[in-house]
Amino acid sequence: MSDQLDLMQGTLDMLILKAVSLGSLHGYGVLLRIQQISGDQLAILQGSLYPALYRLEHQGLIASEWGESDNNRRAKFYRLTAAGRKQLRVETEKWNRMVALMAGILSTAPEQG
């Protein structure tokens, strides 16, 4: 999958918050949801995902409870908290401002002289 893009630093947390905002998911399900909604352009490594899930839960942005996965295995399911919804809004606004700023910078033409 050489067409996949690398994540910019700091975006994994935002992507996780977005994924769980769409519905409660177990850890591997979060990974698959991000891959799905990115049109298979992003692949998250499990070694990055699980520390981020732990960090977000520790910050109170997601909450977890034990349940049973589709293949009848015990799994921890994550859901967005009220604080997580607020953080997702804030991060989305900051991301959109950064995208607009970068687009303006990159579209700047050389000065005529």
C-alpha atoms as a PDB file:
ATOM      1  CA  MET A   1       0.000   0.000   0.000  1.00  0.00           C
ATOM      2  CA  SER A   2       2.521   2.591  -1.101  1.00  0.00           C
ATOM      3  CA  ASP A   3      -0.254   5.152  -1.655  1.00  0.00           C
ATOM      4  CA  GLN A   4      -0.918   5.409   2.067  1.00  0.00           C
ATOM      5  CA  LEU A   5      -0.072   8.671   3.770  1.00  0.00           C
ATOM      6  CA  ASP A   6       1.954   9.125   6.923  1.00  0.00           C
ATOM      7  CA  LEU A   7       0.195  10.803   9.837  1.00  0.00           C
ATOM      8  CA  MET A   8       1.357  14.233  10.846  1.00  0.00           C
ATOM      9  CA  GLN A   9       2.424  14.333  14.460  1.00  0.00           C
ATOM     10  CA  GLY A  10      -0.498  15.034  16.802  1.00  0.00           C
ATOM     11  CA  THR A  11      -3.284  13.851  14.518  1.00  0.00           C
ATOM     12  CA  LEU A  12      -3.713  10.310  15.859  1.00  0.00           C
ATOM     13  CA  ASP A  13      -5.613  11.482  18.953  1.00  0.00           C
ATOM     14  CA  MET A  14      -7.981  13.538  16.799  1.00  0.00           C
ATOM     15  CA  LEU A  15      -8.573  10.579  14.481  1.00  0.00           C
ATOM     16  CA  ILE A  16      -9.318   8.290  17.421  1.00  0.00           C
ATOM     17  CA  LEU A  17     -11.772  10.804  18.871  1.00  0.00           C
ATOM     18  CA  LYS A  18     -13.492  11.063  15.490  1.00  0.00           C
ATOM     19  CA  ALA A  19     -13.656   7.281  15.085  1.00  0.00           C
ATOM     20  CA  VAL A  20     -15.271   6.704  18.490  1.00  0.00           C
ATOM     21  CA  SER A  21     -17.604   9.677  17.963  1.00  0.00           C
ATOM     22  CA  LEU A  22     -19.239   7.554  15.252  1.00  0.00           C
ATOM     23  CA  GLY A  23     -20.033   4.777  17.729  1.00  0.00           C
ATOM     24  CA  SER A  24     -18.547   2.623  20.479  1.00  0.00           C
ATOM     25  CA  LEU A  25     -15.627   0.496  19.248  1.00  0.00           C
ATOM     26  CA  HIS A  26     -13.081  -1.936  20.622  1.00  0.00           C
ATOM     27  CA  GLY A  27      -9.412  -1.098  20.067  1.00  0.00           C
ATOM     28  CA  TYR A  28      -8.923  -2.997  16.829  1.00  0.00           C
ATOM     29  CA  GLY A  29     -12.269  -1.636  15.635  1.00  0.00           C
ATOM     30  CA  VAL A  30     -10.923   1.906  16.094  1.00  0.00           C
ATOM     31  CA  LEU A  31      -7.990   1.001  13.884  1.00  0.00           C
ATOM     32  CA  LEU A  32     -10.307  -0.443  11.216  1.00  0.00           C
ATOM     33  CA  ARG A  33     -12.719   2.531  11.402  1.00  0.00           C
ATOM     34  CA  ILE A  34      -9.896   5.022  10.797  1.00  0.00           C
ATOM     35  CA  GLN A  35      -8.678   2.936   7.877  1.00  0.00           C
ATOM     36  CA  GLN A  36     -12.236   2.743   6.491  1.00  0.00           C
ATOM     37  CA  ILE A  37     -13.118   6.438   6.781  1.00  0.00           C
ATOM     38  CA  SER A  38      -9.757   7.395   5.255  1.00  0.00           C
ATOM     39  CA  GLY A  39     -10.532   5.310   2.174  1.00  0.00           C
ATOM     40  CA  ASP A  40      -7.633   3.011   3.100  1.00  0.00           C
ATOM     41  CA  GLN A  41      -5.214   5.947   2.848  1.00  0.00           C
ATOM     42  CA  LEU A  42      -4.198   5.705   6.525  1.00  0.00           C
ATOM     43  CA  ALA A  43      -3.011   2.618   8.326  1.00  0.00           C
ATOM     44  CA  ILE A  44      -2.555   2.955  12.082  1.00  0.00           C
ATOM     45  CA  LEU A  45      -0.076   0.638  13.745  1.00  0.00           C
ATOM     46  CA  GLN A  46      -1.329  -1.173  16.826  1.00  0.00           C
ATOM     47  CA  GLY A  47       1.853  -0.121  18.623  1.00  0.00           C
ATOM     48  CA  SER A  48       0.745   3.515  18.233  1.00  0.00           C
ATOM     49  CA  LEU A  49      -2.979   2.975  18.741  1.00  0.00           C
ATOM     50  CA  TYR A  50      -3.097   1.335  22.153  1.00  0.00           C
ATOM     51  CA  PRO A  51      -0.867   3.862  23.970  1.00  0.00           C
ATOM     52  CA  ALA A  52      -3.008   6.639  22.447  1.00  0.00           C
ATOM     53  CA  LEU A  53      -6.226   4.941  23.635  1.00  0.00           C
ATOM     54  CA  TYR A  54      -4.754   4.649  27.126  1.00  0.00           C
ATOM     55  CA  ARG A  55      -3.663   8.315  27.088  1.00  0.00           C
ATOM     56  CA  LEU A  56      -7.088   9.542  25.883  1.00  0.00           C
ATOM     57  CA  GLU A  57      -8.867   7.459  28.510  1.00  0.00           C
ATOM     58  CA  HIS A  58      -6.511   8.755  31.212  1.00  0.00           C
ATOM     59  CA  GLN A  59      -7.333  12.331  30.071  1.00  0.00           C
ATOM     60  CA  GLY A  60     -11.072  11.601  30.356  1.00  0.00           C
ATOM     61  CA  LEU A  61     -11.713  12.127  26.629  1.00  0.00           C
ATOM     62  CA  ILE A  62     -12.869   8.536  26.088  1.00  0.00           C
ATOM     63  CA  ALA A  63     -14.298   5.960  28.473  1.00  0.00           C
ATOM     64  CA  SER A  64     -14.195   2.193  28.237  1.00  0.00           C
ATOM     65  CA  GLU A  65     -16.119  -0.829  29.344  1.00  0.00           C
ATOM     66  CA  TRP A  66     -15.609  -4.517  28.795  1.00  0.00           C
ATOM     67  CA  GLY A  67     -17.834  -6.322  26.333  1.00  0.00           C
ATOM     68  CA  GLU A  68     -17.844  -9.051  23.736  1.00  0.00           C
ATOM     69  CA  SER A  69     -16.510  -8.543  20.216  1.00  0.00           C
ATOM     70  CA  ASP A  70     -18.072  -9.890  17.013  1.00  0.00           C
ATOM     71  CA  ASN A  71     -15.905 -13.005  17.269  1.00  0.00           C
ATOM     72  CA  ASN A  72     -17.088 -13.675  20.853  1.00  0.00           C
ATOM     73  CA  ARG A  73     -13.910 -12.471  22.518  1.00  0.00           C
ATOM     74  CA  ARG A  74     -13.725 -10.234  25.557  1.00  0.00           C
ATOM     75  CA  ALA A  75     -12.744  -6.738  24.442  1.00  0.00           C
ATOM     76  CA  LYS A  76     -12.551  -3.222  25.828  1.00  0.00           C
ATOM     77  CA  PHE A  77     -15.017  -0.913  24.036  1.00  0.00           C
ATOM     78  CA  TYR A  78     -14.343   2.809  23.875  1.00  0.00           C
ATOM     79  CA  ARG A  79     -16.844   5.659  23.656  1.00  0.00           C
ATOM     80  CA  LEU A  80     -16.492   9.425  23.508  1.00  0.00           C
ATOM     81  CA  THR A  81     -17.140  11.392  26.695  1.00  0.00           C
ATOM     82  CA  ALA A  82     -18.594  14.911  26.870  1.00  0.00           C
ATOM     83  CA  ALA A  83     -15.052  16.235  27.358  1.00  0.00           C
ATOM     84  CA  GLY A  84     -13.975  14.210  24.326  1.00  0.00           C
ATOM     85  CA  ARG A  85     -16.742  15.728  22.180  1.00  0.00           C
ATOM     86  CA  LYS A  86     -15.611  19.205  23.208  1.00  0.00           C
ATOM     87  CA  GLN A  87     -11.952  18.359  22.520  1.00  0.00           C
ATOM     88  CA  LEU A  88     -12.850  16.936  19.095  1.00  0.00           C
ATOM     89  CA  ARG A  89     -14.635  20.204  18.211  1.00  0.00           C
ATOM     90  CA  VAL A  90     -11.661  22.285  19.368  1.00  0.00           C
ATOM     91  CA  GLU A  91      -9.118  20.124  17.533  1.00  0.00           C
ATOM     92  CA  THR A  92     -11.242  20.091  14.363  1.00  0.00           C
ATOM     93  CA  GLU A  93     -11.433  23.898  14.383  1.00  0.00           C
ATOM     94  CA  LYS A  94      -7.663  24.185  14.911  1.00  0.00           C
ATOM     95  CA  TRP A  95      -7.026  21.639  12.141  1.00  0.00           C
ATOM     96  CA  ASN A  96      -9.295  23.509   9.705  1.00  0.00           C
ATOM     97  CA  ARG A  97      -7.531  26.804  10.481  1.00  0.00           C
ATOM     98  CA  MET A  98      -4.141  25.155   9.895  1.00  0.00           C
ATOM     99  CA  VAL A  99      -5.316  23.643   6.596  1.00  0.00           C
ATOM    100  CA  ALA A 100      -6.550  27.053   5.403  1.00  0.00           C
ATOM    101  CA  LEU A 101      -3.277  28.687   6.479  1.00  0.00           C
ATOM    102  CA  MET A 102      -1.150  26.058   4.717  1.00  0.00           C
ATOM    103  CA  ALA A 103      -3.282  26.246   1.565  1.00  0.00           C
ATOM    104  CA  GLY A 104      -2.760  30.020   1.474  1.00  0.00           C
ATOM    105  CA  ILE A 105       0.979  29.691   1.979  1.00  0.00           C
ATOM    106  CA  LEU A 106       1.385  26.958  -0.634  1.00  0.00           C
ATOM    107  CA  SER A 107      -0.662  28.827  -3.219  1.00  0.00           C
ATOM    108  CA  THR A 108       1.482  31.968  -2.943  1.00  0.00           C
ATOM    109  CA  ALA A 109       2.996  32.815  -6.317  1.00  0.00           C
ATOM    110  CA  PRO A 110       6.500  34.191  -6.699  1.00  0.00           C
ATOM    111  CA  GLU A 111       6.709  37.965  -6.865  1.00  0.00           C
ATOM    112  CA  GLN A 112       7.061  39.495 -10.308  1.00  0.00           C
ATOM    113  CA  GLY A 113      10.099  41.696 -10.513  1.00  0.00           C
END
